[in-house]
Amino acid sequence: MSASPPAPPPIGETIRLVVRDALVVILTFVVMFMGVGRASAEAGLNALQTAFMTLFTVAAPAQAAAMQILDSDTAGATAWVAAVVAVIIVNLRFMVMAASILGRLPNPGVAKGIGAIGLISASSFAILLPRLMGEAPRRPILYCGLVGLACSLSAVFGAVLGHQIATAVPVLVGTALGAMIPIYFATLIARQGRHRILMLNALAGAVLVPLAAPLLGSFSLIVVPLVVSGLTLLIPSSKEA
């Protein structure tokens, strides 16, 4: 008599792991994206537009840059195009993130793969990759999908909440958003301390982004990381030359 296949691990086990790994990000996103929601209200977006933009971005730096464009004195018909381009540039990094995660999943297929990484963000990526590289969950596809969903929904909730109570949200929240982003991501990156290049990139960003901010504004959060990462990619080539 052939042995029956082992029963799949309970879904509750995966949910508990998601809560344990992502709780800090979820709570931080609610507060962080309240500042984004306030900026959206000031730029003239309604709550539904704010929710959709957050859901399809889930990147506070990208939305901050987009809101700065839409709220500028010269904003006109082309402002929306410029804002969308800013978001697209930032979100190009998700191609690399998605490839890194999919390469560590057990043959997910198209539908399951989209479900697993369709809502990935920089923060959920920082949760997923270490987990998949270490003690991987027994239901990795479900785990990835739930982490992405939890992070995305918390961002949308925070953004819509900040939009709805924009007049009650003090300016200090927007200021705290700018201070929170580098501290927040430094905390996530510190978990990968053994990767020297990653730490060097983080240090370069922490130093160069504030220096570039007076000239580039919120775009410093986009341009500086692109330049630093591009130079980093050239390092192996220069060593081989």
C-alpha atoms as a PDB file:
ATOM      1  CA  MET A   1       0.000   0.000   0.000  1.00  0.00           C
ATOM      2  CA  SER A   2       1.494   3.352  -1.048  1.00  0.00           C
ATOM      3  CA  ALA A   3       1.874   6.003   1.591  1.00  0.00           C
ATOM      4  CA  SER A   4      -0.574   8.871   1.370  1.00  0.00           C
ATOM      5  CA  PRO A   5       0.919  12.293   0.638  1.00  0.00           C
ATOM      6  CA  PRO A   6       1.574  14.444   3.706  1.00  0.00           C
ATOM      7  CA  ALA A   7      -1.195  16.832   4.649  1.00  0.00           C
ATOM      8  CA  PRO A   8      -0.492  20.466   3.770  1.00  0.00           C
ATOM      9  CA  PRO A   9       0.406  22.685   6.714  1.00  0.00           C
ATOM     10  CA  PRO A  10      -2.534  24.581   8.218  1.00  0.00           C
ATOM     11  CA  ILE A  11      -3.249  28.046   6.854  1.00  0.00           C
ATOM     12  CA  GLY A  12      -3.277  29.409  10.399  1.00  0.00           C
ATOM     13  CA  GLU A  13       0.416  28.619  10.716  1.00  0.00           C
ATOM     14  CA  THR A  14       1.180  30.805   7.693  1.00  0.00           C
ATOM     15  CA  ILE A  15      -1.062  33.614   8.941  1.00  0.00           C
ATOM     16  CA  ARG A  16       0.685  33.656  12.319  1.00  0.00           C
ATOM     17  CA  LEU A  17       4.057  33.834  10.588  1.00  0.00           C
ATOM     18  CA  VAL A  18       2.864  36.723   8.418  1.00  0.00           C
ATOM     19  CA  VAL A  19       1.633  38.650  11.457  1.00  0.00           C
ATOM     20  CA  ARG A  20       4.896  38.046  13.297  1.00  0.00           C
ATOM     21  CA  ASP A  21       7.073  39.128  10.376  1.00  0.00           C
ATOM     22  CA  ALA A  22       4.996  42.014   9.014  1.00  0.00           C
ATOM     23  CA  LEU A  23       3.354  43.589  12.074  1.00  0.00           C
ATOM     24  CA  VAL A  24       5.945  46.362  12.429  1.00  0.00           C
ATOM     25  CA  VAL A  25       5.630  47.248   8.742  1.00  0.00           C
ATOM     26  CA  ILE A  26       1.828  47.222   8.904  1.00  0.00           C
ATOM     27  CA  LEU A  27       1.697  49.592  11.880  1.00  0.00           C
ATOM     28  CA  THR A  28       4.389  51.842  10.414  1.00  0.00           C
ATOM     29  CA  PHE A  29       2.603  52.010   7.062  1.00  0.00           C
ATOM     30  CA  VAL A  30      -0.618  53.242   8.665  1.00  0.00           C
ATOM     31  CA  VAL A  31       1.211  56.180  10.245  1.00  0.00           C
ATOM     32  CA  MET A  32       3.573  56.809   7.333  1.00  0.00           C
ATOM     33  CA  PHE A  33       0.870  56.898   4.668  1.00  0.00           C
ATOM     34  CA  MET A  34      -1.313  59.234   6.705  1.00  0.00           C
ATOM     35  CA  GLY A  35       1.230  61.869   5.696  1.00  0.00           C
ATOM     36  CA  VAL A  36       0.882  60.768   2.068  1.00  0.00           C
ATOM     37  CA  GLY A  37      -2.905  61.035   2.330  1.00  0.00           C
ATOM     38  CA  ARG A  38      -2.625  64.546   3.705  1.00  0.00           C
ATOM     39  CA  ALA A  39      -0.362  65.512   0.789  1.00  0.00           C
ATOM     40  CA  SER A  40      -2.872  63.967  -1.641  1.00  0.00           C
ATOM     41  CA  ALA A  41      -5.677  66.084  -0.211  1.00  0.00           C
ATOM     42  CA  GLU A  42      -3.555  69.225  -0.551  1.00  0.00           C
ATOM     43  CA  ALA A  43      -2.783  68.287  -4.181  1.00  0.00           C
ATOM     44  CA  GLY A  44      -6.504  68.059  -4.961  1.00  0.00           C
ATOM     45  CA  LEU A  45      -6.970  64.287  -5.168  1.00  0.00           C
ATOM     46  CA  ASN A  46     -10.128  62.749  -3.782  1.00  0.00           C
ATOM     47  CA  ALA A  47     -10.164  59.748  -1.453  1.00  0.00           C
ATOM     48  CA  LEU A  48     -10.749  57.211  -4.254  1.00  0.00           C
ATOM     49  CA  GLN A  49      -7.863  58.586  -6.328  1.00  0.00           C
ATOM     50  CA  THR A  50      -5.660  58.488  -3.244  1.00  0.00           C
ATOM     51  CA  ALA A  51      -6.598  54.861  -2.573  1.00  0.00           C
ATOM     52  CA  PHE A  52      -5.917  53.758  -6.155  1.00  0.00           C
ATOM     53  CA  MET A  53      -2.615  55.621  -6.355  1.00  0.00           C
ATOM     54  CA  THR A  54      -1.482  54.072  -3.084  1.00  0.00           C
ATOM     55  CA  LEU A  55      -2.567  50.569  -4.104  1.00  0.00           C
ATOM     56  CA  PHE A  56      -0.678  50.739  -7.389  1.00  0.00           C
ATOM     57  CA  THR A  57       2.375  52.427  -5.886  1.00  0.00           C
ATOM     58  CA  VAL A  58       2.841  51.438  -2.228  1.00  0.00           C
ATOM     59  CA  ALA A  59       5.946  53.622  -2.233  1.00  0.00           C
ATOM     60  CA  ALA A  60       5.904  56.720  -0.055  1.00  0.00           C
ATOM     61  CA  PRO A  61       8.888  58.334  -1.874  1.00  0.00           C
ATOM     62  CA  ALA A  62       7.192  57.943  -5.265  1.00  0.00           C
ATOM     63  CA  GLN A  63       3.922  59.359  -4.009  1.00  0.00           C
ATOM     64  CA  ALA A  64       5.704  62.223  -2.251  1.00  0.00           C
ATOM     65  CA  ALA A  65       7.385  63.149  -5.542  1.00  0.00           C
ATOM     66  CA  ALA A  66       4.110  62.840  -7.443  1.00  0.00           C
ATOM     67  CA  MET A  67       2.239  64.975  -4.909  1.00  0.00           C
ATOM     68  CA  GLN A  68       4.932  67.629  -5.106  1.00  0.00           C
ATOM     69  CA  ILE A  69       4.414  67.801  -8.880  1.00  0.00           C
ATOM     70  CA  LEU A  70       0.622  67.976  -8.637  1.00  0.00           C
ATOM     71  CA  ASP A  71       0.733  70.590  -5.866  1.00  0.00           C
ATOM     72  CA  SER A  72       3.229  72.882  -7.595  1.00  0.00           C
ATOM     73  CA  ASP A  73       2.174  76.386  -8.632  1.00  0.00           C
ATOM     74  CA  THR A  74       2.790  75.576 -12.306  1.00  0.00           C
ATOM     75  CA  ALA A  75       0.813  72.327 -12.263  1.00  0.00           C
ATOM     76  CA  GLY A  76      -1.367  72.028 -15.346  1.00  0.00           C
ATOM     77  CA  ALA A  77      -2.628  69.444 -17.776  1.00  0.00           C
ATOM     78  CA  THR A  78       0.812  67.844 -18.030  1.00  0.00           C
ATOM     79  CA  ALA A  79       1.237  67.523 -14.260  1.00  0.00           C
ATOM     80  CA  TRP A  80      -0.544  64.177 -14.151  1.00  0.00           C
ATOM     81  CA  VAL A  81       1.757  62.820 -16.875  1.00  0.00           C
ATOM     82  CA  ALA A  82       4.833  63.951 -14.952  1.00  0.00           C
ATOM     83  CA  ALA A  83       3.479  62.443 -11.736  1.00  0.00           C
ATOM     84  CA  VAL A  84       2.778  59.099 -13.417  1.00  0.00           C
ATOM     85  CA  VAL A  85       6.269  59.068 -14.949  1.00  0.00           C
ATOM     86  CA  ALA A  86       7.779  59.685 -11.502  1.00  0.00           C
ATOM     87  CA  VAL A  87       5.845  56.732 -10.092  1.00  0.00           C
ATOM     88  CA  ILE A  88       6.834  54.481 -13.017  1.00  0.00           C
ATOM     89  CA  ILE A  89      10.529  55.286 -12.589  1.00  0.00           C
ATOM     90  CA  VAL A  90      10.445  54.314  -8.928  1.00  0.00           C
ATOM     91  CA  ASN A  91       8.395  51.200  -9.589  1.00  0.00           C
ATOM     92  CA  LEU A  92      10.865  49.846 -12.160  1.00  0.00           C
ATOM     93  CA  ARG A  93      12.762  48.416  -9.211  1.00  0.00           C
ATOM     94  CA  PHE A  94       9.884  46.025  -8.634  1.00  0.00           C
ATOM     95  CA  MET A  95      11.017  44.047 -11.692  1.00  0.00           C
ATOM     96  CA  VAL A  96      14.192  43.106  -9.835  1.00  0.00           C
ATOM     97  CA  MET A  97      12.307  42.415  -6.610  1.00  0.00           C
ATOM     98  CA  ALA A  98       9.752  40.214  -8.352  1.00  0.00           C
ATOM     99  CA  ALA A  99      12.454  38.208 -10.121  1.00  0.00           C
ATOM    100  CA  SER A 100      14.313  37.664  -6.838  1.00  0.00           C
ATOM    101  CA  ILE A 101      11.188  36.380  -5.081  1.00  0.00           C
ATOM    102  CA  LEU A 102       9.876  34.239  -7.953  1.00  0.00           C
ATOM    103  CA  GLY A 103      13.268  32.555  -8.255  1.00  0.00           C
ATOM    104  CA  ARG A 104      12.842  31.237  -4.703  1.00  0.00           C
ATOM    105  CA  LEU A 105       9.280  29.946  -5.062  1.00  0.00           C
ATOM    106  CA  PRO A 106       8.545  26.312  -5.994  1.00  0.00           C
ATOM    107  CA  ASN A 107       7.264  26.574  -9.599  1.00  0.00           C
ATOM    108  CA  PRO A 108       4.417  28.968  -8.813  1.00  0.00           C
ATOM    109  CA  GLY A 109       2.960  29.192 -12.317  1.00  0.00           C
ATOM    110  CA  VAL A 110       1.591  32.392 -13.811  1.00  0.00           C
ATOM    111  CA  ALA A 111      -1.578  32.770 -11.729  1.00  0.00           C
ATOM    112  CA  LYS A 112      -0.017  31.838  -8.389  1.00  0.00           C
ATOM    113  CA  GLY A 113       3.094  33.867  -9.199  1.00  0.00           C
ATOM    114  CA  ILE A 114       1.035  36.996  -9.798  1.00  0.00           C
ATOM    115  CA  GLY A 115      -0.858  36.335  -6.582  1.00  0.00           C
ATOM    116  CA  ALA A 116       2.408  35.940  -4.682  1.00  0.00           C
ATOM    117  CA  ILE A 117       4.235  39.046  -5.914  1.00  0.00           C
ATOM    118  CA  GLY A 118       1.464  41.171  -7.441  1.00  0.00           C
ATOM    119  CA  LEU A 119       1.360  43.511  -4.425  1.00  0.00           C
ATOM    120  CA  ILE A 120       5.070  43.511  -3.618  1.00  0.00           C
ATOM    121  CA  SER A 121       6.627  46.704  -2.287  1.00  0.00           C
ATOM    122  CA  ALA A 122      10.071  47.644  -1.032  1.00  0.00           C
ATOM    123  CA  SER A 123       9.009  46.929   2.537  1.00  0.00           C
ATOM    124  CA  SER A 124       7.312  43.601   1.825  1.00  0.00           C
ATOM    125  CA  PHE A 125      10.358  42.626  -0.253  1.00  0.00           C
ATOM    126  CA  ALA A 126      12.556  43.330   2.767  1.00  0.00           C
ATOM    127  CA  ILE A 127      10.356  40.913   4.723  1.00  0.00           C
ATOM    128  CA  LEU A 128      10.024  38.218   2.064  1.00  0.00           C
ATOM    129  CA  LEU A 129      13.583  37.813   0.834  1.00  0.00           C
ATOM    130  CA  PRO A 130      15.245  37.119   4.217  1.00  0.00           C
ATOM    131  CA  ARG A 131      12.444  34.698   5.115  1.00  0.00           C
ATOM    132  CA  LEU A 132      12.751  32.784   1.834  1.00  0.00           C
ATOM    133  CA  MET A 133      16.542  32.735   2.097  1.00  0.00           C
ATOM    134  CA  GLY A 134      16.429  31.458   5.674  1.00  0.00           C
ATOM    135  CA  GLU A 135      13.798  29.344   7.365  1.00  0.00           C
ATOM    136  CA  ALA A 136      11.285  29.380   4.511  1.00  0.00           C
ATOM    137  CA  PRO A 137       7.578  28.995   5.307  1.00  0.00           C
ATOM    138  CA  ARG A 138       5.928  25.711   4.438  1.00  0.00           C
ATOM    139  CA  ARG A 139       3.435  27.563   2.251  1.00  0.00           C
ATOM    140  CA  PRO A 140       5.756  30.085   0.570  1.00  0.00           C
ATOM    141  CA  ILE A 141       3.337  31.246  -2.131  1.00  0.00           C
ATOM    142  CA  LEU A 142       0.544  31.902   0.354  1.00  0.00           C
ATOM    143  CA  TYR A 143       3.012  33.581   2.700  1.00  0.00           C
ATOM    144  CA  CYS A 144       4.248  35.969  -0.010  1.00  0.00           C
ATOM    145  CA  GLY A 145       0.726  36.830  -1.106  1.00  0.00           C
ATOM    146  CA  LEU A 146      -0.476  37.540   2.427  1.00  0.00           C
ATOM    147  CA  VAL A 147       2.546  39.707   3.278  1.00  0.00           C
ATOM    148  CA  GLY A 148       2.013  41.796   0.137  1.00  0.00           C
ATOM    149  CA  LEU A 149      -1.720  42.081   0.798  1.00  0.00           C
ATOM    150  CA  ALA A 150      -1.271  43.066   4.448  1.00  0.00           C
ATOM    151  CA  CYS A 151       1.312  45.742   3.651  1.00  0.00           C
ATOM    152  CA  SER A 152      -0.711  47.145   0.730  1.00  0.00           C
ATOM    153  CA  LEU A 153      -3.986  47.332   2.637  1.00  0.00           C
ATOM    154  CA  SER A 154      -2.334  49.036   5.604  1.00  0.00           C
ATOM    155  CA  ALA A 155      -0.823  51.623   3.242  1.00  0.00           C
ATOM    156  CA  VAL A 156      -4.198  52.261   1.577  1.00  0.00           C
ATOM    157  CA  PHE A 157      -5.926  52.515   4.951  1.00  0.00           C
ATOM    158  CA  GLY A 158      -3.352  55.000   6.241  1.00  0.00           C
ATOM    159  CA  ALA A 159      -3.483  57.105   3.059  1.00  0.00           C
ATOM    160  CA  VAL A 160      -7.282  57.295   2.964  1.00  0.00           C
ATOM    161  CA  LEU A 161      -7.420  58.029   6.696  1.00  0.00           C
ATOM    162  CA  GLY A 162      -4.875  60.817   6.297  1.00  0.00           C
ATOM    163  CA  HIS A 163      -6.841  62.203   3.342  1.00  0.00           C
ATOM    164  CA  GLN A 164     -10.152  62.189   5.184  1.00  0.00           C
ATOM    165  CA  ILE A 165      -8.814  63.934   8.271  1.00  0.00           C
ATOM    166  CA  ALA A 166      -6.321  66.116   6.396  1.00  0.00           C
ATOM    167  CA  THR A 167      -7.352  69.272   8.221  1.00  0.00           C
ATOM    168  CA  ALA A 168      -6.927  67.508  11.558  1.00  0.00           C
ATOM    169  CA  VAL A 169      -3.543  65.993  10.706  1.00  0.00           C
ATOM    170  CA  PRO A 170      -0.867  68.398  11.918  1.00  0.00           C
ATOM    171  CA  VAL A 171       1.944  69.457   9.608  1.00  0.00           C
ATOM    172  CA  LEU A 172       4.221  67.584  11.998  1.00  0.00           C
ATOM    173  CA  VAL A 173       2.940  64.308  10.508  1.00  0.00           C
ATOM    174  CA  GLY A 174       4.225  65.302   7.079  1.00  0.00           C
ATOM    175  CA  THR A 175       7.547  66.297   8.603  1.00  0.00           C
ATOM    176  CA  ALA A 176       7.684  63.042  10.536  1.00  0.00           C
ATOM    177  CA  LEU A 177       7.136  61.172   7.252  1.00  0.00           C
ATOM    178  CA  GLY A 178      10.361  62.600   5.874  1.00  0.00           C
ATOM    179  CA  ALA A 179      12.245  61.647   9.031  1.00  0.00           C
ATOM    180  CA  MET A 180      10.609  58.236   9.332  1.00  0.00           C
ATOM    181  CA  ILE A 181      11.446  56.944   5.850  1.00  0.00           C
ATOM    182  CA  PRO A 182      15.256  56.737   6.229  1.00  0.00           C
ATOM    183  CA  ILE A 183      15.012  55.423   9.804  1.00  0.00           C
ATOM    184  CA  TYR A 184      12.405  52.870   8.820  1.00  0.00           C
ATOM    185  CA  PHE A 185      14.306  51.521   5.832  1.00  0.00           C
ATOM    186  CA  ALA A 186      17.604  51.580   7.712  1.00  0.00           C
ATOM    187  CA  THR A 187      15.996  49.287  10.279  1.00  0.00           C
ATOM    188  CA  LEU A 188      14.877  46.874   7.565  1.00  0.00           C
ATOM    189  CA  ILE A 189      18.225  46.954   5.777  1.00  0.00           C
ATOM    190  CA  ALA A 190      20.134  46.390   9.022  1.00  0.00           C
ATOM    191  CA  ARG A 191      18.712  42.872   9.056  1.00  0.00           C
ATOM    192  CA  GLN A 192      20.890  42.211   6.005  1.00  0.00           C
ATOM    193  CA  GLY A 193      24.104  43.441   7.612  1.00  0.00           C
ATOM    194  CA  ARG A 194      26.216  40.628   6.181  1.00  0.00           C
ATOM    195  CA  HIS A 195      25.659  41.917   2.628  1.00  0.00           C
ATOM    196  CA  ARG A 196      28.346  44.603   2.270  1.00  0.00           C
ATOM    197  CA  ILE A 197      27.145  46.125  -1.027  1.00  0.00           C
ATOM    198  CA  LEU A 198      23.626  46.519   0.320  1.00  0.00           C
ATOM    199  CA  MET A 199      24.898  48.291   3.408  1.00  0.00           C
ATOM    200  CA  LEU A 200      27.138  50.576   1.325  1.00  0.00           C
ATOM    201  CA  ASN A 201      24.180  51.523  -0.867  1.00  0.00           C
ATOM    202  CA  ALA A 202      22.097  52.271   2.213  1.00  0.00           C
ATOM    203  CA  LEU A 203      24.856  54.444   3.685  1.00  0.00           C
ATOM    204  CA  ALA A 204      25.314  56.294   0.392  1.00  0.00           C
ATOM    205  CA  GLY A 205      21.577  56.954   0.224  1.00  0.00           C
ATOM    206  CA  ALA A 206      21.445  58.192   3.811  1.00  0.00           C
ATOM    207  CA  VAL A 207      24.249  60.689   3.118  1.00  0.00           C
ATOM    208  CA  LEU A 208      23.477  61.779  -0.449  1.00  0.00           C
ATOM    209  CA  VAL A 209      19.671  62.060  -0.416  1.00  0.00           C
ATOM    210  CA  PRO A 210      19.609  64.912   2.171  1.00  0.00           C
ATOM    211  CA  LEU A 211      22.411  66.676   0.284  1.00  0.00           C
ATOM    212  CA  ALA A 212      20.490  66.450  -2.990  1.00  0.00           C
ATOM    213  CA  ALA A 213      17.121  67.418  -1.480  1.00  0.00           C
ATOM    214  CA  PRO A 214      17.612  71.238  -1.702  1.00  0.00           C
ATOM    215  CA  LEU A 215      18.263  70.907  -5.439  1.00  0.00           C
ATOM    216  CA  LEU A 216      15.961  68.037  -6.431  1.00  0.00           C
ATOM    217  CA  GLY A 217      13.241  68.156  -3.774  1.00  0.00           C
ATOM    218  CA  SER A 218      11.329  64.888  -3.430  1.00  0.00           C
ATOM    219  CA  PHE A 219      12.962  63.672  -6.635  1.00  0.00           C
ATOM    220  CA  SER A 220      16.143  63.185  -4.608  1.00  0.00           C
ATOM    221  CA  LEU A 221      14.456  60.044  -3.268  1.00  0.00           C
ATOM    222  CA  ILE A 222      14.238  58.786  -6.857  1.00  0.00           C
ATOM    223  CA  VAL A 223      17.329  60.093  -8.638  1.00  0.00           C
ATOM    224  CA  VAL A 224      19.964  59.409  -5.980  1.00  0.00           C
ATOM    225  CA  PRO A 225      19.093  55.709  -5.492  1.00  0.00           C
ATOM    226  CA  LEU A 226      19.057  55.201  -9.279  1.00  0.00           C
ATOM    227  CA  VAL A 227      22.504  56.771  -9.639  1.00  0.00           C
ATOM    228  CA  VAL A 228      23.980  54.898  -6.669  1.00  0.00           C
ATOM    229  CA  SER A 229      22.577  51.556  -7.800  1.00  0.00           C
ATOM    230  CA  GLY A 230      23.829  52.183 -11.339  1.00  0.00           C
ATOM    231  CA  LEU A 231      27.341  52.882 -10.069  1.00  0.00           C
ATOM    232  CA  THR A 232      27.162  49.769  -7.906  1.00  0.00           C
ATOM    233  CA  LEU A 233      26.356  47.643 -10.945  1.00  0.00           C
ATOM    234  CA  LEU A 234      29.463  49.013 -12.666  1.00  0.00           C
ATOM    235  CA  ILE A 235      31.803  47.926  -9.853  1.00  0.00           C
ATOM    236  CA  PRO A 236      32.084  44.234 -10.865  1.00  0.00           C
ATOM    237  CA  SER A 237      32.629  45.237 -14.498  1.00  0.00           C
ATOM    238  CA  SER A 238      35.484  47.586 -13.579  1.00  0.00           C
ATOM    239  CA  LYS A 239      37.133  44.826 -11.546  1.00  0.00           C
ATOM    240  CA  GLU A 240      36.916  42.415 -14.468  1.00  0.00           C
ATOM    241  CA  ALA A 241      38.346  44.949 -16.923  1.00  0.00           C
END
